[in-house]
């Protein structure tokens, strides 16, 4: 069986195209030089990677949607997709941006988080309903529209969809989180962590 880190390994620099080298430099600069996570997958389509990076940079850096709520929406997708790497990458960020530590703990175990702030509860309801029913009811839409601007609500929807895409990328690439952190959704004994 192919190990998790071998499905889409990092491309050696001397085997990259010019476009891949440019994208690798950008991804390395942004990620502190890491070659884990979605980066190896994204090198396979360097132009797409640049567009996706620009979108994520806006959503997490310039959007009127509070970063706390964006990070919470990302954790919801990590849970729904059983995505260890995505959880590892965003769990600490969510807490740093103001999510109570018990909220991710509850979410990880499949419980509705008990200590959500009111706007977090609205984000939870919106993201869970959209992700599980593929629709948003009038009541859910009205509730979240009363709390967020139209732009922030549009951006929340795109954050949710973008991190479905990132979850898909990570699951196709079988990307794994670093060995020194626990894996909340590990698929079983065949999962090998990088180290």
Foldseek 3Di string as FASTA:
>chain_A
DDALCPLQHADPPVPADPLLNVQLVVVCVVVVHDRFALSSVCSVPSVVSVVLVVLVCCLCPPFPQQNLLLLLLLLLLCQVLLPQASCVVRLVVNVVSPDPNQCSVCVLVPHHRDPDDPLNNLSVLQLVCCVPVVDADPVSVVVNCVVDPPRNVVSSVVSNVSSNVSSVSCVSSSTAHAPVDDGSRDPDDSHDHDD
